[in-house]
Amino acid sequence: MHDSLKKFVAGEIISDYHCESCCKRVDLEKKVTINKLPNILIVHLQRIIFDYDTLRNLKLNDRVEFPCVLNLKEFTTEEVLKKDKASSQLAKRKNQQD
């Protein structure tokens, strides 16, 4: 479950996006985070994937373990923004040293 949530908030790069404010094509990163933690969390497992080699849908039968206590703090918008800011500052420092 924890690995799945990490993939959920990891983000994806969208290439060649048309920015309406600057009227240019840019690459951007799209992330999905949890803005407010719910009292009850309902998880929908995506168990069907499309196999491009066979051109068929495949059902995933992988085992998913659910912990008794699930701390979702690291998947919240606030925490993800903190991590991104820290990573950005670290990259800037590294570039300045090079």
N, C-alpha and C. Protein backbone atom coordinates (compact mmCIF):
# COMPACT_ATOMS: atom_id res chain seq x y z
N MET A 1 0.82 -1.19 0.00
CA MET A 1 0.00 0.00 0.00
C MET A 1 0.87 1.26 0.00
N HIS A 2 1.91 1.23 0.81
CA HIS A 2 2.79 2.39 0.92
C HIS A 2 3.45 2.69 -0.43
N ASP A 3 3.93 1.67 -1.11
CA ASP A 3 4.56 1.87 -2.42
C ASP A 3 3.57 2.43 -3.44
N SER A 4 2.34 1.95 -3.38
CA SER A 4 1.30 2.44 -4.30
C SER A 4 1.03 3.92 -4.06
N LEU A 5 0.97 4.32 -2.79
CA LEU A 5 0.74 5.73 -2.48
C LEU A 5 1.91 6.59 -2.92
N LYS A 6 3.13 6.07 -2.81
CA LYS A 6 4.30 6.82 -3.29
C LYS A 6 4.20 7.06 -4.80
N LYS A 7 3.80 6.04 -5.54
CA LYS A 7 3.64 6.19 -6.99
C LYS A 7 2.52 7.19 -7.31
N PHE A 8 1.48 7.18 -6.47
CA PHE A 8 0.34 8.06 -6.67
C PHE A 8 0.75 9.53 -6.61
N VAL A 9 1.64 9.89 -5.68
CA VAL A 9 2.04 11.29 -5.52
C VAL A 9 3.34 11.63 -6.23
N ALA A 10 3.99 10.65 -6.85
CA ALA A 10 5.30 10.88 -7.48
C ALA A 10 5.24 11.92 -8.60
N GLY A 11 4.17 11.95 -9.33
CA GLY A 11 4.04 12.93 -10.42
C GLY A 11 4.43 12.36 -11.76
N GLU A 12 4.06 13.11 -12.77
CA GLU A 12 4.41 12.74 -14.14
C GLU A 12 4.74 14.00 -14.92
N ILE A 13 5.64 13.86 -15.88
CA ILE A 13 6.05 14.98 -16.72
C ILE A 13 5.10 15.06 -17.92
N ILE A 14 4.57 16.24 -18.14
CA ILE A 14 3.73 16.49 -19.31
C ILE A 14 4.56 17.34 -20.27
N SER A 15 4.92 16.78 -21.39
CA SER A 15 5.77 17.46 -22.35
C SER A 15 4.94 18.28 -23.33
N ASP A 16 5.53 19.38 -23.75
CA ASP A 16 4.95 20.21 -24.81
C ASP A 16 3.56 20.75 -24.44
N TYR A 17 3.38 21.15 -23.19
CA TYR A 17 2.12 21.73 -22.73
C TYR A 17 2.04 23.18 -23.15
N HIS A 18 0.89 23.61 -23.66
CA HIS A 18 0.72 25.00 -24.08
C HIS A 18 0.29 25.84 -22.88
N CYS A 19 1.19 26.71 -22.43
CA CYS A 19 0.92 27.60 -21.29
C CYS A 19 0.15 28.82 -21.80
N GLU A 20 -1.05 29.01 -21.26
CA GLU A 20 -1.88 30.13 -21.71
C GLU A 20 -1.37 31.47 -21.22
N SER A 21 -0.67 31.50 -20.08
CA SER A 21 -0.20 32.78 -19.54
C SER A 21 1.01 33.32 -20.31
N CYS A 22 1.92 32.43 -20.75
CA CYS A 22 3.10 32.91 -21.49
C CYS A 22 3.04 32.58 -22.98
N CYS A 23 2.01 31.85 -23.39
CA CYS A 23 1.80 31.48 -24.81
C CYS A 23 3.00 30.71 -25.39
N LYS A 24 3.59 29.85 -24.59
CA LYS A 24 4.71 29.03 -25.05
C LYS A 24 4.43 27.57 -24.75
N ARG A 25 5.18 26.72 -25.40
CA ARG A 25 5.12 25.28 -25.12
C ARG A 25 6.16 24.99 -24.04
N VAL A 26 5.74 24.36 -22.97
CA VAL A 26 6.63 24.07 -21.85
C VAL A 26 6.44 22.64 -21.38
N ASP A 27 7.42 22.13 -20.64
CA ASP A 27 7.28 20.84 -19.94
C ASP A 27 6.90 21.16 -18.50
N LEU A 28 5.97 20.41 -17.95
CA LEU A 28 5.59 20.63 -16.57
C LEU A 28 5.39 19.31 -15.86
N GLU A 29 5.39 19.37 -14.54
CA GLU A 29 5.20 18.18 -13.74
C GLU A 29 3.84 18.25 -13.06
N LYS A 30 3.06 17.20 -13.25
CA LYS A 30 1.73 17.10 -12.65
C LYS A 30 1.81 16.14 -11.48
N LYS A 31 1.32 16.59 -10.31
CA LYS A 31 1.31 15.74 -9.13
C LYS A 31 -0.09 15.72 -8.54
N VAL A 32 -0.44 14.58 -7.97
CA VAL A 32 -1.70 14.43 -7.26
C VAL A 32 -1.35 14.21 -5.79
N THR A 33 -1.90 15.04 -4.92
CA THR A 33 -1.64 14.92 -3.49
C THR A 33 -2.96 14.97 -2.73
N ILE A 34 -2.87 14.70 -1.44
CA ILE A 34 -4.05 14.75 -0.58
C ILE A 34 -4.03 16.11 0.11
N ASN A 35 -5.03 16.93 -0.16
CA ASN A 35 -5.08 18.26 0.42
C ASN A 35 -5.50 18.24 1.88
N LYS A 36 -6.52 17.47 2.19
CA LYS A 36 -7.02 17.36 3.56
C LYS A 36 -7.25 15.89 3.88
N LEU A 37 -6.69 15.45 4.99
CA LEU A 37 -6.82 14.03 5.34
C LEU A 37 -8.25 13.71 5.77
N PRO A 38 -8.81 12.63 5.22
CA PRO A 38 -10.19 12.27 5.54
C PRO A 38 -10.28 11.45 6.83
N ASN A 39 -11.47 11.42 7.41
CA ASN A 39 -11.70 10.54 8.56
C ASN A 39 -11.75 9.09 8.11
N ILE A 40 -12.29 8.87 6.92
CA ILE A 40 -12.39 7.53 6.34
C ILE A 40 -11.78 7.59 4.94
N LEU A 41 -10.88 6.67 4.67
CA LEU A 41 -10.22 6.62 3.37
C LEU A 41 -10.73 5.41 2.59
N ILE A 42 -11.21 5.64 1.41
CA ILE A 42 -11.64 4.56 0.52
C ILE A 42 -10.61 4.47 -0.60
N VAL A 43 -10.05 3.28 -0.77
CA VAL A 43 -9.00 3.06 -1.77
C VAL A 43 -9.56 2.20 -2.88
N HIS A 44 -9.41 2.69 -4.11
CA HIS A 44 -9.83 1.91 -5.28
C HIS A 44 -8.57 1.36 -5.94
N LEU A 45 -8.47 0.06 -6.03
CA LEU A 45 -7.31 -0.57 -6.64
C LEU A 45 -7.53 -0.73 -8.14
N GLN A 46 -6.60 -0.22 -8.92
CA GLN A 46 -6.65 -0.38 -10.37
C GLN A 46 -6.02 -1.73 -10.69
N ARG A 47 -6.85 -2.73 -10.91
CA ARG A 47 -6.35 -4.09 -11.10
C ARG A 47 -6.34 -4.54 -12.56
N ILE A 48 -6.75 -3.66 -13.45
CA ILE A 48 -6.75 -3.99 -14.87
C ILE A 48 -5.78 -3.04 -15.57
N ILE A 49 -4.86 -3.61 -16.35
CA ILE A 49 -3.95 -2.80 -17.16
C ILE A 49 -4.03 -3.28 -18.60
N PHE A 50 -3.65 -2.42 -19.52
CA PHE A 50 -3.65 -2.78 -20.93
C PHE A 50 -2.25 -3.21 -21.33
N ASP A 51 -2.13 -4.39 -21.91
CA ASP A 51 -0.86 -4.92 -22.37
C ASP A 51 -0.71 -4.58 -23.86
N TYR A 52 0.23 -3.70 -24.16
CA TYR A 52 0.41 -3.27 -25.55
C TYR A 52 1.03 -4.35 -26.43
N ASP A 53 1.68 -5.33 -25.82
CA ASP A 53 2.26 -6.42 -26.61
C ASP A 53 1.17 -7.35 -27.13
N THR A 54 0.19 -7.67 -26.29
CA THR A 54 -0.88 -8.59 -26.70
C THR A 54 -2.16 -7.87 -27.11
N LEU A 55 -2.19 -6.55 -26.87
CA LEU A 55 -3.37 -5.71 -27.17
C LEU A 55 -4.61 -6.22 -26.43
N ARG A 56 -4.41 -6.62 -25.17
CA ARG A 56 -5.51 -7.11 -24.34
C ARG A 56 -5.40 -6.52 -22.93
N ASN A 57 -6.52 -6.50 -22.25
CA ASN A 57 -6.53 -6.13 -20.84
C ASN A 57 -6.05 -7.31 -20.01
N LEU A 58 -5.25 -6.99 -18.98
CA LEU A 58 -4.76 -8.01 -18.07
C LEU A 58 -5.19 -7.68 -16.65
N LYS A 59 -5.57 -8.69 -15.90
CA LYS A 59 -5.93 -8.49 -14.51
C LYS A 59 -4.70 -8.73 -13.64
N LEU A 60 -4.41 -7.78 -12.77
CA LEU A 60 -3.30 -7.91 -11.84
C LEU A 60 -3.76 -8.68 -10.61
N ASN A 61 -3.01 -9.68 -10.23
CA ASN A 61 -3.33 -10.48 -9.06
C ASN A 61 -2.27 -10.33 -7.98
N ASP A 62 -1.53 -9.22 -8.02
CA ASP A 62 -0.48 -8.98 -7.04
C ASP A 62 -1.08 -8.81 -5.64
N ARG A 63 -0.33 -9.25 -4.66
CA ARG A 63 -0.77 -9.12 -3.27
C ARG A 63 -0.55 -7.68 -2.80
N VAL A 64 -1.55 -7.12 -2.15
CA VAL A 64 -1.45 -5.78 -1.57
C VAL A 64 -1.66 -5.91 -0.07
N GLU A 65 -0.70 -5.42 0.70
CA GLU A 65 -0.81 -5.50 2.15
C GLU A 65 -1.26 -4.16 2.70
N PHE A 66 -2.24 -4.22 3.59
CA PHE A 66 -2.78 -3.03 4.23
C PHE A 66 -2.34 -3.01 5.68
N PRO A 67 -1.60 -1.99 6.10
CA PRO A 67 -1.19 -1.93 7.49
C PRO A 67 -2.37 -1.59 8.40
N CYS A 68 -2.25 -1.95 9.66
CA CYS A 68 -3.31 -1.62 10.63
C CYS A 68 -3.41 -0.11 10.84
N VAL A 69 -2.26 0.56 10.80
CA VAL A 69 -2.22 2.01 10.93
C VAL A 69 -1.52 2.56 9.69
N LEU A 70 -2.16 3.50 9.03
CA LEU A 70 -1.61 4.08 7.81
C LEU A 70 -1.42 5.57 8.00
N ASN A 71 -0.16 6.01 8.08
CA ASN A 71 0.14 7.43 8.24
C ASN A 71 0.22 8.06 6.85
N LEU A 72 -0.70 8.96 6.55
CA LEU A 72 -0.78 9.57 5.23
C LEU A 72 -0.11 10.95 5.16
N LYS A 73 0.53 11.37 6.23
CA LYS A 73 1.09 12.72 6.29
C LYS A 73 2.04 13.01 5.13
N GLU A 74 2.91 12.06 4.79
CA GLU A 74 3.89 12.31 3.72
C GLU A 74 3.26 12.45 2.33
N PHE A 75 1.98 12.12 2.21
CA PHE A 75 1.30 12.20 0.91
C PHE A 75 0.41 13.44 0.80
N THR A 76 0.46 14.30 1.84
CA THR A 76 -0.35 15.52 1.82
C THR A 76 0.33 16.59 0.98
N THR A 77 -0.45 17.52 0.51
CA THR A 77 0.07 18.61 -0.32
C THR A 77 1.16 19.37 0.42
N GLU A 78 0.93 19.67 1.67
CA GLU A 78 1.90 20.43 2.47
C GLU A 78 3.24 19.71 2.55
N GLU A 79 3.24 18.43 2.83
CA GLU A 79 4.48 17.68 2.95
C GLU A 79 5.19 17.51 1.61
N VAL A 80 4.43 17.26 0.56
CA VAL A 80 5.03 17.11 -0.77
C VAL A 80 5.68 18.42 -1.20
N LEU A 81 5.03 19.56 -0.93
CA LEU A 81 5.62 20.85 -1.26
C LEU A 81 6.90 21.11 -0.46
N LYS A 82 6.92 20.70 0.81
CA LYS A 82 8.13 20.84 1.62
C LYS A 82 9.28 20.03 1.02
N LYS A 83 9.00 18.79 0.64
CA LYS A 83 10.03 17.94 0.05
C LYS A 83 10.53 18.51 -1.27
N ASP A 84 9.61 19.01 -2.10
CA ASP A 84 9.99 19.59 -3.39
C ASP A 84 10.87 20.82 -3.19
N LYS A 85 10.51 21.65 -2.21
CA LYS A 85 11.29 22.86 -1.93
C LYS A 85 12.69 22.50 -1.45
N ALA A 86 12.78 21.52 -0.55
CA ALA A 86 14.08 21.08 -0.05
C ALA A 86 14.94 20.50 -1.17
N SER A 87 14.32 19.72 -2.06
CA SER A 87 15.05 19.13 -3.19
C SER A 87 15.55 20.22 -4.14
N SER A 88 14.72 21.23 -4.36
CA SER A 88 15.08 22.33 -5.24
C SER A 88 16.25 23.12 -4.66
N GLN A 89 16.21 23.39 -3.36
CA GLN A 89 17.30 24.13 -2.71
C GLN A 89 18.59 23.33 -2.74
N LEU A 90 18.50 22.02 -2.54
CA LEU A 90 19.68 21.16 -2.59
C LEU A 90 20.29 21.16 -3.99
N ALA A 91 19.44 21.10 -5.01
CA ALA A 91 19.93 21.12 -6.40
C ALA A 91 20.60 22.45 -6.71
N LYS A 92 20.04 23.56 -6.22
CA LYS A 92 20.64 24.87 -6.44
C LYS A 92 22.02 24.96 -5.81
N ARG A 93 22.12 24.46 -4.57
CA ARG A 93 23.43 24.46 -3.89
C ARG A 93 24.45 23.63 -4.63
N LYS A 94 24.01 22.48 -5.13
CA LYS A 94 24.93 21.61 -5.85
C LYS A 94 25.39 22.27 -7.14
N ASN A 95 24.46 22.94 -7.85
CA ASN A 95 24.83 23.63 -9.09
C ASN A 95 25.79 24.78 -8.83
N GLN A 96 25.62 25.48 -7.70
CA GLN A 96 26.50 26.59 -7.37
C GLN A 96 27.91 26.10 -7.05
N GLN A 97 28.02 24.90 -6.47
CA GLN A 97 29.33 24.35 -6.12
C GLN A 97 30.08 23.85 -7.35
N ASP A 98 29.33 23.47 -8.38
CA ASP A 98 29.96 22.92 -9.60
C ASP A 98 30.50 23.99 -10.46
